Amino acid sequence: MSGWRDKAACRDMDPDLFFPTTSSEERLALKACAQCPAICECARYAAQHDRISG
C-alpha cells in the first residue's frame, strides 16, 4: 500500500466490516470512517472504481 491507504483508519481492520450485516457492524464501520484522515481520498477512489452504490 502507499499514499492515502497507509493513513486509513481501517488499514488493519477486517474488510468485511464495511459490508455490514448488522446495525452494530454498520456503526463500527461508520465510526472508523468518521475519524479517518483519508476519508476524502478513499471516497474518491471508491467512486472512481464503482465501489459506492447509490
PDB file of N, CA and C in Angstrom:
ATOM      1  N   MET A   1       0.842  -1.190   0.000  1.00  0.00           N
ATOM      2  CA  MET A   1       0.000   0.000   0.000  1.00  0.00           C
ATOM      3  C   MET A   1       0.878   1.240   0.000  1.00  0.00           C
ATOM      4  N   SER A   2       0.285   2.300  -0.455  1.00  0.00           N
ATOM      5  CA  SER A   2       1.029   3.547  -0.420  1.00  0.00           C
ATOM      6  C   SER A   2       0.067   4.716  -0.379  1.00  0.00           C
ATOM      7  N   GLY A   3       0.589   5.862  -0.028  1.00  0.00           N
ATOM      8  CA  GLY A   3      -0.222   7.068  -0.031  1.00  0.00           C
ATOM      9  C   GLY A   3      -1.334   7.052   0.999  1.00  0.00           C
ATOM     10  N   TRP A   4      -2.532   7.423   0.557  1.00  0.00           N
ATOM     11  CA  TRP A   4      -3.659   7.574   1.473  1.00  0.00           C
ATOM     12  C   TRP A   4      -4.013   6.274   2.178  1.00  0.00           C
ATOM     13  N   ARG A   5      -3.771   5.150   1.570  1.00  0.00           N
ATOM     14  CA  ARG A   5      -4.118   3.863   2.204  1.00  0.00           C
ATOM     15  C   ARG A   5      -3.308   3.633   3.479  1.00  0.00           C
ATOM     16  N   ASP A   6      -2.080   4.122   3.504  1.00  0.00           N
ATOM     17  CA  ASP A   6      -1.260   3.980   4.708  1.00  0.00           C
ATOM     18  C   ASP A   6      -1.823   4.779   5.872  1.00  0.00           C
ATOM     19  N   LYS A   7      -2.566   5.848   5.578  1.00  0.00           N
ATOM     20  CA  LYS A   7      -3.145   6.695   6.620  1.00  0.00           C
ATOM     21  C   LYS A   7      -4.551   6.272   7.021  1.00  0.00           C
ATOM     22  N   ALA A   8      -5.146   5.355   6.279  1.00  0.00           N
ATOM     23  CA  ALA A   8      -6.543   4.977   6.501  1.00  0.00           C
ATOM     24  C   ALA A   8      -6.750   4.353   7.877  1.00  0.00           C
ATOM     25  N   ALA A   9      -7.793   4.781   8.562  1.00  0.00           N
ATOM     26  CA  ALA A   9      -8.119   4.251   9.887  1.00  0.00           C
ATOM     27  C   ALA A   9      -8.452   2.766   9.817  1.00  0.00           C
ATOM     28  N   CYS A  10      -8.894   2.295   8.688  1.00  0.00           N
ATOM     29  CA  CYS A  10      -9.327   0.901   8.535  1.00  0.00           C
ATOM     30  C   CYS A  10      -8.229  -0.026   8.024  1.00  0.00           C
ATOM     31  N   ARG A  11      -7.027   0.462   7.856  1.00  0.00           N
ATOM     32  CA  ARG A  11      -5.977  -0.324   7.197  1.00  0.00           C
ATOM     33  C   ARG A  11      -5.728  -1.679   7.849  1.00  0.00           C
ATOM     34  N   ASP A  12      -5.974  -1.814   9.148  1.00  0.00           N
ATOM     35  CA  ASP A  12      -5.750  -3.085   9.834  1.00  0.00           C
ATOM     36  C   ASP A  12      -7.056  -3.776  10.223  1.00  0.00           C
ATOM     37  N   MET A  13      -8.164  -3.279   9.707  1.00  0.00           N
ATOM     38  CA  MET A  13      -9.467  -3.840  10.044  1.00  0.00           C
ATOM     39  C   MET A  13      -9.898  -4.879   9.008  1.00  0.00           C
ATOM     40  N   ASP A  14     -10.797  -5.731   9.413  1.00  0.00           N
ATOM     41  CA  ASP A  14     -11.364  -6.738   8.518  1.00  0.00           C
ATOM     42  C   ASP A  14     -12.214  -6.025   7.460  1.00  0.00           C
ATOM     43  N   PRO A  15     -11.923  -6.200   6.185  1.00  0.00           N
ATOM     44  CA  PRO A  15     -12.696  -5.532   5.129  1.00  0.00           C
ATOM     45  C   PRO A  15     -14.188  -5.883   5.143  1.00  0.00           C
ATOM     46  N   ASP A  16     -14.524  -7.058   5.659  1.00  0.00           N
ATOM     47  CA  ASP A  16     -15.936  -7.449   5.728  1.00  0.00           C
ATOM     48  C   ASP A  16     -16.756  -6.507   6.597  1.00  0.00           C
ATOM     49  N   LEU A  17     -16.105  -5.804   7.515  1.00  0.00           N
ATOM     50  CA  LEU A  17     -16.801  -4.844   8.366  1.00  0.00           C
ATOM     51  C   LEU A  17     -17.509  -3.781   7.529  1.00  0.00           C
ATOM     52  N   PHE A  18     -16.972  -3.487   6.370  1.00  0.00           N
ATOM     53  CA  PHE A  18     -17.519  -2.427   5.531  1.00  0.00           C
ATOM     54  C   PHE A  18     -18.606  -2.922   4.583  1.00  0.00           C
ATOM     55  N   PHE A  19     -19.029  -4.149   4.824  1.00  0.00           N
ATOM     56  CA  PHE A  19     -20.190  -4.735   4.157  1.00  0.00           C
ATOM     57  C   PHE A  19     -21.057  -5.323   5.266  1.00  0.00           C
ATOM     58  N   PRO A  20     -21.577  -4.429   6.135  1.00  0.00           N
ATOM     59  CA  PRO A  20     -22.213  -4.862   7.379  1.00  0.00           C
ATOM     60  C   PRO A  20     -23.499  -5.669   7.163  1.00  0.00           C
ATOM     61  N   THR A  21     -23.711  -6.589   8.088  1.00  0.00           N
ATOM     62  CA  THR A  21     -24.943  -7.372   8.087  1.00  0.00           C
ATOM     63  C   THR A  21     -25.780  -7.070   9.323  1.00  0.00           C
ATOM     64  N   THR A  22     -25.198  -6.307  10.261  1.00  0.00           N
ATOM     65  CA  THR A  22     -25.932  -5.919  11.464  1.00  0.00           C
ATOM     66  C   THR A  22     -25.762  -4.418  11.687  1.00  0.00           C
ATOM     67  N   SER A  23     -26.633  -3.864  12.493  1.00  0.00           N
ATOM     68  CA  SER A  23     -26.533  -2.426  12.776  1.00  0.00           C
ATOM     69  C   SER A  23     -25.296  -2.122  13.610  1.00  0.00           C
ATOM     70  N   SER A  24     -24.847  -3.044  14.449  1.00  0.00           N
ATOM     71  CA  SER A  24     -23.639  -2.767  15.228  1.00  0.00           C
ATOM     72  C   SER A  24     -22.403  -2.761  14.326  1.00  0.00           C
ATOM     73  N   GLU A  25     -22.355  -3.649  13.327  1.00  0.00           N
ATOM     74  CA  GLU A  25     -21.253  -3.614  12.361  1.00  0.00           C
ATOM     75  C   GLU A  25     -21.279  -2.317  11.571  1.00  0.00           C
ATOM     76  N   GLU A  26     -22.457  -1.867  11.203  1.00  0.00           N
ATOM     77  CA  GLU A  26     -22.578  -0.610  10.468  1.00  0.00           C
ATOM     78  C   GLU A  26     -22.061   0.557  11.303  1.00  0.00           C
ATOM     79  N   ARG A  27     -22.413   0.576  12.586  1.00  0.00           N
ATOM     80  CA  ARG A  27     -21.924   1.648  13.468  1.00  0.00           C
ATOM     81  C   ARG A  27     -20.401   1.638  13.575  1.00  0.00           C
ATOM     82  N   LEU A  28     -19.810   0.450  13.682  1.00  0.00           N
ATOM     83  CA  LEU A  28     -18.346   0.352  13.756  1.00  0.00           C
ATOM     84  C   LEU A  28     -17.688   0.878  12.483  1.00  0.00           C
ATOM     85  N   ALA A  29     -18.243   0.525  11.346  1.00  0.00           N
ATOM     86  CA  ALA A  29     -17.691   0.997  10.073  1.00  0.00           C
ATOM     87  C   ALA A  29     -17.806   2.512   9.969  1.00  0.00           C
ATOM     88  N   LEU A  30     -18.963   3.038  10.308  1.00  0.00           N
ATOM     89  CA  LEU A  30     -19.159   4.491  10.238  1.00  0.00           C
ATOM     90  C   LEU A  30     -18.245   5.228  11.212  1.00  0.00           C
ATOM     91  N   LYS A  31     -18.020   4.648  12.373  1.00  0.00           N
ATOM     92  CA  LYS A  31     -17.120   5.256  13.355  1.00  0.00           C
ATOM     93  C   LYS A  31     -15.696   5.309  12.808  1.00  0.00           C
ATOM     94  N   ALA A  32     -15.256   4.220  12.183  1.00  0.00           N
ATOM     95  CA  ALA A  32     -13.911   4.200  11.598  1.00  0.00           C
ATOM     96  C   ALA A  32     -13.787   5.275  10.524  1.00  0.00           C
ATOM     97  N   CYS A  33     -14.774   5.383   9.670  1.00  0.00           N
ATOM     98  CA  CYS A  33     -14.731   6.387   8.599  1.00  0.00           C
ATOM     99  C   CYS A  33     -14.776   7.807   9.149  1.00  0.00           C
ATOM    100  N   ALA A  34     -15.558   8.013  10.179  1.00  0.00           N
ATOM    101  CA  ALA A  34     -15.732   9.360  10.730  1.00  0.00           C
ATOM    102  C   ALA A  34     -14.435   9.943  11.269  1.00  0.00           C
ATOM    103  N   GLN A  35     -13.546   9.094  11.763  1.00  0.00           N
ATOM    104  CA  GLN A  35     -12.293   9.598  12.334  1.00  0.00           C
ATOM    105  C   GLN A  35     -11.095   9.390  11.412  1.00  0.00           C
ATOM    106  N   CYS A  36     -11.361   9.011  10.179  1.00  0.00           N
ATOM    107  CA  CYS A  36     -10.288   8.670   9.256  1.00  0.00           C
ATOM    108  C   CYS A  36      -9.704   9.892   8.549  1.00  0.00           C
ATOM    109  N   PRO A  37      -8.373  10.032   8.572  1.00  0.00           N
ATOM    110  CA  PRO A  37      -7.748  11.155   7.880  1.00  0.00           C
ATOM    111  C   PRO A  37      -7.732  10.988   6.357  1.00  0.00           C
ATOM    112  N   ALA A  38      -8.069   9.802   5.875  1.00  0.00           N
ATOM    113  CA  ALA A  38      -8.024   9.536   4.433  1.00  0.00           C
ATOM    114  C   ALA A  38      -9.415   9.413   3.816  1.00  0.00           C
ATOM    115  N   ILE A  39     -10.449   9.858   4.518  1.00  0.00           N
ATOM    116  CA  ILE A  39     -11.824   9.635   4.055  1.00  0.00           C
ATOM    117  C   ILE A  39     -12.091  10.242   2.676  1.00  0.00           C
ATOM    118  N   CYS A  40     -11.571  11.404   2.397  1.00  0.00           N
ATOM    119  CA  CYS A  40     -11.828  12.036   1.088  1.00  0.00           C
ATOM    120  C   CYS A  40     -11.186  11.241  -0.043  1.00  0.00           C
ATOM    121  N   GLU A  41      -9.931  10.843   0.152  1.00  0.00           N
ATOM    122  CA  GLU A  41      -9.247  10.069  -0.875  1.00  0.00           C
ATOM    123  C   GLU A  41      -9.911   8.706  -1.074  1.00  0.00           C
ATOM    124  N   CYS A  42     -10.327   8.096   0.009  1.00  0.00           N
ATOM    125  CA  CYS A  42     -10.987   6.795  -0.046  1.00  0.00           C
ATOM    126  C   CYS A  42     -12.313   6.899  -0.798  1.00  0.00           C
ATOM    127  N   ALA A  43     -13.103   7.905  -0.481  1.00  0.00           N
ATOM    128  CA  ALA A  43     -14.391   8.088  -1.158  1.00  0.00           C
ATOM    129  C   ALA A  43     -14.193   8.347  -2.646  1.00  0.00           C
ATOM    130  N   ARG A  44     -13.181   9.133  -2.977  1.00  0.00           N
ATOM    131  CA  ARG A  44     -12.884   9.401  -4.382  1.00  0.00           C
ATOM    132  C   ARG A  44     -12.496   8.105  -5.107  1.00  0.00           C
ATOM    133  N   TYR A  45     -11.651   7.297  -4.479  1.00  0.00           N
ATOM    134  CA  TYR A  45     -11.249   6.015  -5.058  1.00  0.00           C
ATOM    135  C   TYR A  45     -12.473   5.109  -5.248  1.00  0.00           C
ATOM    136  N   ALA A  46     -13.297   5.015  -4.234  1.00  0.00           N
ATOM    137  CA  ALA A  46     -14.486   4.164  -4.301  1.00  0.00           C
ATOM    138  C   ALA A  46     -15.421   4.605  -5.424  1.00  0.00           C
ATOM    139  N   ALA A  47     -15.609   5.900  -5.562  1.00  0.00           N
ATOM    140  CA  ALA A  47     -16.489   6.416  -6.618  1.00  0.00           C
ATOM    141  C   ALA A  47     -15.914   6.130  -8.010  1.00  0.00           C
ATOM    142  N   GLN A  48     -14.610   6.284  -8.152  1.00  0.00           N
ATOM    143  CA  GLN A  48     -13.963   6.064  -9.450  1.00  0.00           C
ATOM    144  C   GLN A  48     -13.934   4.587  -9.851  1.00  0.00           C
ATOM    145  N   HIS A  49     -14.045   3.711  -8.869  1.00  0.00           N
ATOM    146  CA  HIS A  49     -13.952   2.277  -9.136  1.00  0.00           C
ATOM    147  C   HIS A  49     -15.258   1.548  -8.864  1.00  0.00           C
ATOM    148  N   ASP A  50     -16.363   2.268  -8.947  1.00  0.00           N
ATOM    149  CA  ASP A  50     -17.692   1.693  -8.756  1.00  0.00           C
ATOM    150  C   ASP A  50     -17.819   0.889  -7.475  1.00  0.00           C
ATOM    151  N   ARG A  51     -17.282   1.441  -6.385  1.00  0.00           N
ATOM    152  CA  ARG A  51     -17.368   0.769  -5.099  1.00  0.00           C
ATOM    153  C   ARG A  51     -18.498   1.331  -4.246  1.00  0.00           C
ATOM    154  N   ILE A  52     -19.132   2.399  -4.711  1.00  0.00           N
ATOM    155  CA  ILE A  52     -20.229   3.015  -3.983  1.00  0.00           C
ATOM    156  C   ILE A  52     -21.498   2.836  -4.793  1.00  0.00           C
ATOM    157  N   SER A  53     -22.517   2.294  -4.159  1.00  0.00           N
ATOM    158  CA  SER A  53     -23.797   2.179  -4.861  1.00  0.00           C
ATOM    159  C   SER A  53     -24.727   3.249  -4.321  1.00  0.00           C
ATOM    160  N   GLY A  54     -25.494   3.796  -5.203  1.00  0.00           N
ATOM    161  CA  GLY A  54     -26.273   4.954  -4.885  1.00  0.00           C
ATOM    162  C   GLY A  54     -27.592   4.757  -4.371  1.00  0.00           C
TER     163      GLY A  54
END
